[in-house]
Amino acid sequence: KQAEDVVLDYLKKPDAGWDETSVPPRVNAAV
């Protein structure tokens, strides 16, 4: 949860709407 917050904050997309099936692979790797 903390890592997701860090990544979404960096991306400036707090409501990206992704889940574990739709998250872009590079975002998953960053998390």
PDB file of all heavy atoms in Angstrom:
ATOM      1  N   LYS A   1       0.832  -1.211   0.000  1.00  0.00           N
ATOM      2  CA  LYS A   1       0.000   0.000   0.000  1.00  0.00           C
ATOM      3  C   LYS A   1       0.863   1.257   0.000  1.00  0.00           C
ATOM      4  O   LYS A   1       0.568   2.231  -0.703  1.00  0.00           O
ATOM      5  CB  LYS A   1      -0.947  -0.006   1.195  1.00  0.00           C
ATOM      6  CG  LYS A   1      -2.058  -1.010   1.064  1.00  0.00           C
ATOM      7  CD  LYS A   1      -2.959  -1.013   2.275  1.00  0.00           C
ATOM      8  CE  LYS A   1      -4.005  -2.104   2.125  1.00  0.00           C
ATOM      9  NZ  LYS A   1      -4.810  -2.278   3.313  1.00  0.00           N
ATOM     10  N   GLN A   2       1.922   1.246   0.788  1.00  0.00           N
ATOM     11  CA  GLN A   2       2.823   2.394   0.828  1.00  0.00           C
ATOM     12  C   GLN A   2       3.503   2.603  -0.525  1.00  0.00           C
ATOM     13  O   GLN A   2       3.616   3.736  -1.011  1.00  0.00           O
ATOM     14  CB  GLN A   2       3.870   2.205   1.924  1.00  0.00           C
ATOM     15  CG  GLN A   2       3.296   2.236   3.321  1.00  0.00           C
ATOM     16  CD  GLN A   2       4.268   1.751   4.378  1.00  0.00           C
ATOM     17  OE1 GLN A   2       5.220   1.025   4.108  1.00  0.00           O
ATOM     18  NE2 GLN A   2       4.016   2.154   5.623  1.00  0.00           N
ATOM     19  N   ALA A   3       3.949   1.523  -1.124  1.00  0.00           N
ATOM     20  CA  ALA A   3       4.620   1.604  -2.421  1.00  0.00           C
ATOM     21  C   ALA A   3       3.661   2.097  -3.498  1.00  0.00           C
ATOM     22  O   ALA A   3       4.040   2.913  -4.352  1.00  0.00           O
ATOM     23  CB  ALA A   3       5.192   0.239  -2.805  1.00  0.00           C
ATOM     24  N   GLU A   4       2.424   1.628  -3.468  1.00  0.00           N
ATOM     25  CA  GLU A   4       1.426   2.101  -4.429  1.00  0.00           C
ATOM     26  C   GLU A   4       1.214   3.602  -4.276  1.00  0.00           C
ATOM     27  O   GLU A   4       1.133   4.328  -5.272  1.00  0.00           O
ATOM     28  CB  GLU A   4       0.107   1.347  -4.234  1.00  0.00           C
ATOM     29  CG  GLU A   4       0.183  -0.102  -4.643  1.00  0.00           C
ATOM     30  CD  GLU A   4      -1.025  -0.911  -4.207  1.00  0.00           C
ATOM     31  OE1 GLU A   4      -1.847  -0.435  -3.395  1.00  0.00           O
ATOM     32  OE2 GLU A   4      -1.146  -2.051  -4.689  1.00  0.00           O
ATOM     33  N   ASP A   5       1.148   4.067  -3.045  1.00  0.00           N
ATOM     34  CA  ASP A   5       0.980   5.494  -2.794  1.00  0.00           C
ATOM     35  C   ASP A   5       2.159   6.293  -3.349  1.00  0.00           C
ATOM     36  O   ASP A   5       1.972   7.335  -3.986  1.00  0.00           O
ATOM     37  CB  ASP A   5       0.800   5.749  -1.297  1.00  0.00           C
ATOM     38  CG  ASP A   5       0.563   7.213  -0.993  1.00  0.00           C
ATOM     39  OD1 ASP A   5      -0.445   7.764  -1.487  1.00  0.00           O
ATOM     40  OD2 ASP A   5       1.379   7.803  -0.263  1.00  0.00           O
ATOM     41  N   VAL A   6       3.369   5.807  -3.123  1.00  0.00           N
ATOM     42  CA  VAL A   6       4.577   6.482  -3.612  1.00  0.00           C
ATOM     43  C   VAL A   6       4.548   6.572  -5.138  1.00  0.00           C
ATOM     44  O   VAL A   6       4.787   7.630  -5.725  1.00  0.00           O
ATOM     45  CB  VAL A   6       5.850   5.744  -3.128  1.00  0.00           C
ATOM     46  CG1 VAL A   6       7.086   6.206  -3.877  1.00  0.00           C
ATOM     47  CG2 VAL A   6       6.022   5.905  -1.632  1.00  0.00           C
ATOM     48  N   VAL A   7       4.240   5.459  -5.791  1.00  0.00           N
ATOM     49  CA  VAL A   7       4.252   5.411  -7.255  1.00  0.00           C
ATOM     50  C   VAL A   7       3.152   6.297  -7.840  1.00  0.00           C
ATOM     51  O   VAL A   7       3.394   7.081  -8.760  1.00  0.00           O
ATOM     52  CB  VAL A   7       4.124   3.948  -7.747  1.00  0.00           C
ATOM     53  CG1 VAL A   7       3.815   3.885  -9.238  1.00  0.00           C
ATOM     54  CG2 VAL A   7       5.403   3.183  -7.433  1.00  0.00           C
ATOM     55  N   LEU A   8       1.941   6.201  -7.313  1.00  0.00           N
ATOM     56  CA  LEU A   8       0.841   7.009  -7.836  1.00  0.00           C
ATOM     57  C   LEU A   8       1.065   8.495  -7.571  1.00  0.00           C
ATOM     58  O   LEU A   8       0.694   9.334  -8.390  1.00  0.00           O
ATOM     59  CB  LEU A   8      -0.496   6.539  -7.256  1.00  0.00           C
ATOM     60  CG  LEU A   8      -0.934   5.162  -7.744  1.00  0.00           C
ATOM     61  CD1 LEU A   8      -2.204   4.725  -7.034  1.00  0.00           C
ATOM     62  CD2 LEU A   8      -1.113   5.129  -9.252  1.00  0.00           C
ATOM     63  N   ASP A   9       1.692   8.810  -6.446  1.00  0.00           N
ATOM     64  CA  ASP A   9       2.022  10.209  -6.162  1.00  0.00           C
ATOM     65  C   ASP A   9       3.040  10.721  -7.172  1.00  0.00           C
ATOM     66  O   ASP A   9       2.910  11.828  -7.685  1.00  0.00           O
ATOM     67  CB  ASP A   9       2.551  10.351  -4.736  1.00  0.00           C
ATOM     68  CG  ASP A   9       2.885  11.792  -4.396  1.00  0.00           C
ATOM     69  OD1 ASP A   9       1.955  12.623  -4.400  1.00  0.00           O
ATOM     70  OD2 ASP A   9       4.066  12.088  -4.135  1.00  0.00           O
ATOM     71  N   TYR A  10       4.058   9.936  -7.478  1.00  0.00           N
ATOM     72  CA  TYR A  10       5.053  10.349  -8.471  1.00  0.00           C
ATOM     73  C   TYR A  10       4.390  10.565  -9.833  1.00  0.00           C
ATOM     74  O   TYR A  10       4.685  11.531 -10.540  1.00  0.00           O
ATOM     75  CB  TYR A  10       6.186   9.322  -8.594  1.00  0.00           C
ATOM     76  CG  TYR A  10       7.139   9.704  -9.694  1.00  0.00           C
ATOM     77  CD1 TYR A  10       8.063  10.722  -9.508  1.00  0.00           C
ATOM     78  CD2 TYR A  10       7.062   9.101 -10.943  1.00  0.00           C
ATOM     79  CE1 TYR A  10       8.902  11.119 -10.541  1.00  0.00           C
ATOM     80  CE2 TYR A  10       7.899   9.497 -11.981  1.00  0.00           C
ATOM     81  CZ  TYR A  10       8.817  10.502 -11.775  1.00  0.00           C
ATOM     82  OH  TYR A  10       9.632  10.906 -12.801  1.00  0.00           O
ATOM     83  N   LEU A  11       3.475   9.661 -10.197  1.00  0.00           N
ATOM     84  CA  LEU A  11       2.804   9.763 -11.485  1.00  0.00           C
ATOM     85  C   LEU A  11       1.758  10.873 -11.531  1.00  0.00           C
ATOM     86  O   LEU A  11       1.285  11.228 -12.612  1.00  0.00           O
ATOM     87  CB  LEU A  11       2.117   8.431 -11.831  1.00  0.00           C
ATOM     88  CG  LEU A  11       3.035   7.267 -12.154  1.00  0.00           C
ATOM     89  CD1 LEU A  11       2.224   5.998 -12.319  1.00  0.00           C
ATOM     90  CD2 LEU A  11       3.854   7.555 -13.398  1.00  0.00           C
ATOM     91  N   LYS A  12       1.413  11.398 -10.358  1.00  0.00           N
ATOM     92  CA  LYS A  12       0.352  12.407 -10.236  1.00  0.00           C
ATOM     93  C   LYS A  12      -0.981  11.856 -10.729  1.00  0.00           C
ATOM     94  O   LYS A  12      -1.756  12.532 -11.405  1.00  0.00           O
ATOM     95  CB  LYS A  12       0.709  13.678 -11.004  1.00  0.00           C
ATOM     96  CG  LYS A  12       1.994  14.336 -10.542  1.00  0.00           C
ATOM     97  CD  LYS A  12       2.252  15.572 -11.342  1.00  0.00           C
ATOM     98  CE  LYS A  12       3.618  16.135 -11.011  1.00  0.00           C
ATOM     99  NZ  LYS A  12       3.936  17.281 -11.852  1.00  0.00           N
ATOM    100  N   LYS A  13      -1.229  10.582 -10.394  1.00  0.00           N
ATOM    101  CA  LYS A  13      -2.461   9.907 -10.804  1.00  0.00           C
ATOM    102  C   LYS A  13      -3.065   9.163  -9.608  1.00  0.00           C
ATOM    103  O   LYS A  13      -3.095   7.933  -9.577  1.00  0.00           O
ATOM    104  CB  LYS A  13      -2.176   8.909 -11.926  1.00  0.00           C
ATOM    105  CG  LYS A  13      -1.712   9.540 -13.205  1.00  0.00           C
ATOM    106  CD  LYS A  13      -1.508   8.508 -14.292  1.00  0.00           C
ATOM    107  CE  LYS A  13      -1.025   9.196 -15.558  1.00  0.00           C
ATOM    108  NZ  LYS A  13      -0.897   8.279 -16.685  1.00  0.00           N
ATOM    109  N   PRO A  14      -3.580   9.910  -8.628  1.00  0.00           N
ATOM    110  CA  PRO A  14      -4.109   9.233  -7.436  1.00  0.00           C
ATOM    111  C   PRO A  14      -5.303   8.335  -7.728  1.00  0.00           C
ATOM    112  O   PRO A  14      -5.547   7.383  -7.004  1.00  0.00           O
ATOM    113  CB  PRO A  14      -4.484  10.382  -6.507  1.00  0.00           C
ATOM    114  CG  PRO A  14      -4.663  11.559  -7.404  1.00  0.00           C
ATOM    115  CD  PRO A  14      -3.729  11.347  -8.561  1.00  0.00           C
ATOM    116  N   ASP A  15      -6.034   8.625  -8.796  1.00  0.00           N
ATOM    117  CA  ASP A  15      -7.202   7.817  -9.152  1.00  0.00           C
ATOM    118  C   ASP A  15      -6.998   7.182 -10.521  1.00  0.00           C
ATOM    119  O   ASP A  15      -7.835   7.327 -11.416  1.00  0.00           O
ATOM    120  CB  ASP A  15      -8.462   8.684  -9.153  1.00  0.00           C
ATOM    121  CG  ASP A  15      -8.731   9.309  -7.798  1.00  0.00           C
ATOM    122  OD1 ASP A  15      -8.586   8.587  -6.795  1.00  0.00           O
ATOM    123  OD2 ASP A  15      -9.068  10.504  -7.742  1.00  0.00           O
ATOM    124  N   ALA A  16      -5.915   6.460 -10.685  1.00  0.00           N
ATOM    125  CA  ALA A  16      -5.576   5.881 -11.981  1.00  0.00           C
ATOM    126  C   ALA A  16      -6.592   4.833 -12.431  1.00  0.00           C
ATOM    127  O   ALA A  16      -6.756   4.604 -13.627  1.00  0.00           O
ATOM    128  CB  ALA A  16      -4.179   5.273 -11.934  1.00  0.00           C
ATOM    129  N   GLY A  17      -7.256   4.184 -11.492  1.00  0.00           N
ATOM    130  CA  GLY A  17      -8.252   3.191 -11.847  1.00  0.00           C
ATOM    131  C   GLY A  17      -7.683   1.832 -12.223  1.00  0.00           C
ATOM    132  O   GLY A  17      -8.384   0.979 -12.750  1.00  0.00           O
ATOM    133  N   TRP A  18      -6.419   1.614 -11.967  1.00  0.00           N
ATOM    134  CA  TRP A  18      -5.794   0.329 -12.272  1.00  0.00           C
ATOM    135  C   TRP A  18      -6.026  -0.658 -11.138  1.00  0.00           C
ATOM    136  O   TRP A  18      -6.220  -0.275  -9.994  1.00  0.00           O
ATOM    137  CB  TRP A  18      -4.281   0.488 -12.453  1.00  0.00           C
ATOM    138  CG  TRP A  18      -3.857   1.349 -13.594  1.00  0.00           C
ATOM    139  CD1 TRP A  18      -4.373   1.376 -14.850  1.00  0.00           C
ATOM    140  CD2 TRP A  18      -2.795   2.297 -13.587  1.00  0.00           C
ATOM    141  NE1 TRP A  18      -3.700   2.293 -15.618  1.00  0.00           N
ATOM    142  CE2 TRP A  18      -2.725   2.871 -14.866  1.00  0.00           C
ATOM    143  CE3 TRP A  18      -1.896   2.727 -12.624  1.00  0.00           C
ATOM    144  CZ2 TRP A  18      -1.790   3.836 -15.213  1.00  0.00           C
ATOM    145  CZ3 TRP A  18      -0.968   3.689 -12.966  1.00  0.00           C
ATOM    146  CH2 TRP A  18      -0.913   4.234 -14.249  1.00  0.00           C
ATOM    147  N   ASP A  19      -5.968  -1.927 -11.462  1.00  0.00           N
ATOM    148  CA  ASP A  19      -5.930  -2.983 -10.456  1.00  0.00           C
ATOM    149  C   ASP A  19      -4.846  -3.966 -10.885  1.00  0.00           C
ATOM    150  O   ASP A  19      -4.130  -3.712 -11.858  1.00  0.00           O
ATOM    151  CB  ASP A  19      -7.298  -3.650 -10.270  1.00  0.00           C
ATOM    152  CG  ASP A  19      -7.794  -4.360 -11.531  1.00  0.00           C
ATOM    153  OD1 ASP A  19      -6.988  -4.675 -12.421  1.00  0.00           O
ATOM    154  OD2 ASP A  19      -9.014  -4.603 -11.606  1.00  0.00           O
ATOM    155  N   GLU A  20      -4.746  -5.089 -10.168  1.00  0.00           N
ATOM    156  CA  GLU A  20      -3.632  -5.999 -10.477  1.00  0.00           C
ATOM    157  C   GLU A  20      -3.718  -6.610 -11.873  1.00  0.00           C
ATOM    158  O   GLU A  20      -2.729  -7.111 -12.391  1.00  0.00           O
ATOM    159  CB  GLU A  20      -3.496  -7.102  -9.423  1.00  0.00           C
ATOM    160  CG  GLU A  20      -4.649  -8.061  -9.363  1.00  0.00           C
ATOM    161  CD  GLU A  20      -5.660  -7.723  -8.286  1.00  0.00           C
ATOM    162  OE1 GLU A  20      -5.590  -6.648  -7.687  1.00  0.00           O
ATOM    163  OE2 GLU A  20      -6.538  -8.550  -8.051  1.00  0.00           O
ATOM    164  N   THR A  21      -4.886  -6.559 -12.517  1.00  0.00           N
ATOM    165  CA  THR A  21      -5.003  -7.114 -13.869  1.00  0.00           C
ATOM    166  C   THR A  21      -4.821  -6.061 -14.961  1.00  0.00           C
ATOM    167  O   THR A  21      -4.511  -6.400 -16.091  1.00  0.00           O
ATOM    168  CB  THR A  21      -6.368  -7.809 -14.066  1.00  0.00           C
ATOM    169  OG1 THR A  21      -7.405  -6.847 -13.885  1.00  0.00           O
ATOM    170  CG2 THR A  21      -6.545  -8.957 -13.082  1.00  0.00           C
ATOM    171  N   SER A  22      -5.010  -4.780 -14.630  1.00  0.00           N
ATOM    172  CA  SER A  22      -4.933  -3.745 -15.656  1.00  0.00           C
ATOM    173  C   SER A  22      -3.739  -2.793 -15.503  1.00  0.00           C
ATOM    174  O   SER A  22      -3.517  -1.950 -16.360  1.00  0.00           O
ATOM    175  CB  SER A  22      -6.229  -2.918 -15.659  1.00  0.00           C
ATOM    176  OG  SER A  22      -6.407  -2.235 -14.435  1.00  0.00           O
ATOM    177  N   VAL A  23      -2.997  -2.933 -14.427  1.00  0.00           N
ATOM    178  CA  VAL A  23      -1.861  -2.055 -14.195  1.00  0.00           C
ATOM    179  C   VAL A  23      -0.801  -2.264 -15.287  1.00  0.00           C
ATOM    180  O   VAL A  23      -0.495  -3.400 -15.648  1.00  0.00           O
ATOM    181  CB  VAL A  23      -1.256  -2.282 -12.785  1.00  0.00           C
ATOM    182  CG1 VAL A  23      -0.711  -3.683 -12.633  1.00  0.00           C
ATOM    183  CG2 VAL A  23      -0.198  -1.249 -12.474  1.00  0.00           C
ATOM    184  N   PRO A  24      -0.261  -1.181 -15.842  1.00  0.00           N
ATOM    185  CA  PRO A  24       0.818  -1.342 -16.820  1.00  0.00           C
ATOM    186  C   PRO A  24       2.013  -2.068 -16.178  1.00  0.00           C
ATOM    187  O   PRO A  24       2.347  -1.815 -15.010  1.00  0.00           O
ATOM    188  CB  PRO A  24       1.188   0.103 -17.184  1.00  0.00           C
ATOM    189  CG  PRO A  24      -0.035   0.905 -16.872  1.00  0.00           C
ATOM    190  CD  PRO A  24      -0.650   0.234 -15.679  1.00  0.00           C
ATOM    191  N   PRO A  25       2.648  -2.947 -16.914  1.00  0.00           N
ATOM    192  CA  PRO A  25       3.764  -3.720 -16.352  1.00  0.00           C
ATOM    193  C   PRO A  25       4.860  -2.864 -15.729  1.00  0.00           C
ATOM    194  O   PRO A  25       5.420  -3.209 -14.695  1.00  0.00           O
ATOM    195  CB  PRO A  25       4.291  -4.522 -17.540  1.00  0.00           C
ATOM    196  CG  PRO A  25       3.102  -4.663 -18.441  1.00  0.00           C
ATOM    197  CD  PRO A  25       2.320  -3.384 -18.277  1.00  0.00           C
ATOM    198  N   ARG A  26       5.183  -1.714 -16.326  1.00  0.00           N
ATOM    199  CA  ARG A  26       6.249  -0.866 -15.773  1.00  0.00           C
ATOM    200  C   ARG A  26       5.830  -0.270 -14.434  1.00  0.00           C
ATOM    201  O   ARG A  26       6.654  -0.050 -13.566  1.00  0.00           O
ATOM    202  CB  ARG A  26       6.692   0.210 -16.753  1.00  0.00           C
ATOM    203  CG  ARG A  26       5.668   1.276 -17.021  1.00  0.00           C
ATOM    204  CD  ARG A  26       6.149   2.377 -17.950  1.00  0.00           C
ATOM    205  NE  ARG A  26       6.610   1.831 -19.197  1.00  0.00           N
ATOM    206  CZ  ARG A  26       7.705   2.262 -19.827  1.00  0.00           C
ATOM    207  NH1 ARG A  26       8.404   3.251 -19.358  1.00  0.00           N
ATOM    208  NH2 ARG A  26       8.077   1.710 -20.949  1.00  0.00           N
ATOM    209  N   VAL A  27       4.532  -0.019 -14.243  1.00  0.00           N
ATOM    210  CA  VAL A  27       4.045   0.499 -12.968  1.00  0.00           C
ATOM    211  C   VAL A  27       4.120  -0.602 -11.912  1.00  0.00           C
ATOM    212  O   VAL A  27       4.552  -0.371 -10.787  1.00  0.00           O
ATOM    213  CB  VAL A  27       2.608   1.059 -13.098  1.00  0.00           C
ATOM    214  CG1 VAL A  27       2.048   1.456 -11.747  1.00  0.00           C
ATOM    215  CG2 VAL A  27       2.584   2.239 -14.065  1.00  0.00           C
ATOM    216  N   ASN A  28       3.733  -1.813 -12.299  1.00  0.00           N
ATOM    217  CA  ASN A  28       3.842  -2.952 -11.381  1.00  0.00           C
ATOM    218  C   ASN A  28       5.297  -3.162 -10.974  1.00  0.00           C
ATOM    219  O   ASN A  28       5.599  -3.366  -9.787  1.00  0.00           O
ATOM    220  CB  ASN A  28       3.275  -4.209 -12.042  1.00  0.00           C
ATOM    221  CG  ASN A  28       3.396  -5.441 -11.192  1.00  0.00           C
ATOM    222  OD1 ASN A  28       4.326  -6.228 -11.376  1.00  0.00           O
ATOM    223  ND2 ASN A  28       2.480  -5.623 -10.257  1.00  0.00           N
ATOM    224  N   ALA A  29       6.208  -3.087 -11.933  1.00  0.00           N
ATOM    225  CA  ALA A  29       7.629  -3.261 -11.633  1.00  0.00           C
ATOM    226  C   ALA A  29       8.121  -2.171 -10.678  1.00  0.00           C
ATOM    227  O   ALA A  29       8.900  -2.447  -9.753  1.00  0.00           O
ATOM    228  CB  ALA A  29       8.445  -3.246 -12.921  1.00  0.00           C
ATOM    229  N   ALA A  30       7.659  -0.942 -10.870  1.00  0.00           N
ATOM    230  CA  ALA A  30       8.057   0.158  -9.990  1.00  0.00           C
ATOM    231  C   ALA A  30       7.542  -0.071  -8.574  1.00  0.00           C
ATOM    232  O   ALA A  30       8.266   0.163  -7.596  1.00  0.00           O
ATOM    233  CB  ALA A  30       7.547   1.484 -10.537  1.00  0.00           C
ATOM    234  N   VAL A  31       6.307  -0.534  -8.445  1.00  0.00           N
ATOM    235  CA  VAL A  31       5.759  -0.833  -7.124  1.00  0.00           C
ATOM    236  C   VAL A  31       6.597  -1.912  -6.448  1.00  0.00           C
ATOM    237  O   VAL A  31       6.948  -1.792  -5.265  1.00  0.00           O
ATOM    238  CB  VAL A  31       4.270  -1.253  -7.209  1.00  0.00           C
ATOM    239  CG1 VAL A  31       3.773  -1.805  -5.877  1.00  0.00           C
ATOM    240  CG2 VAL A  31       3.410  -0.087  -7.655  1.00  0.00           C
TER     241      VAL A  31
END
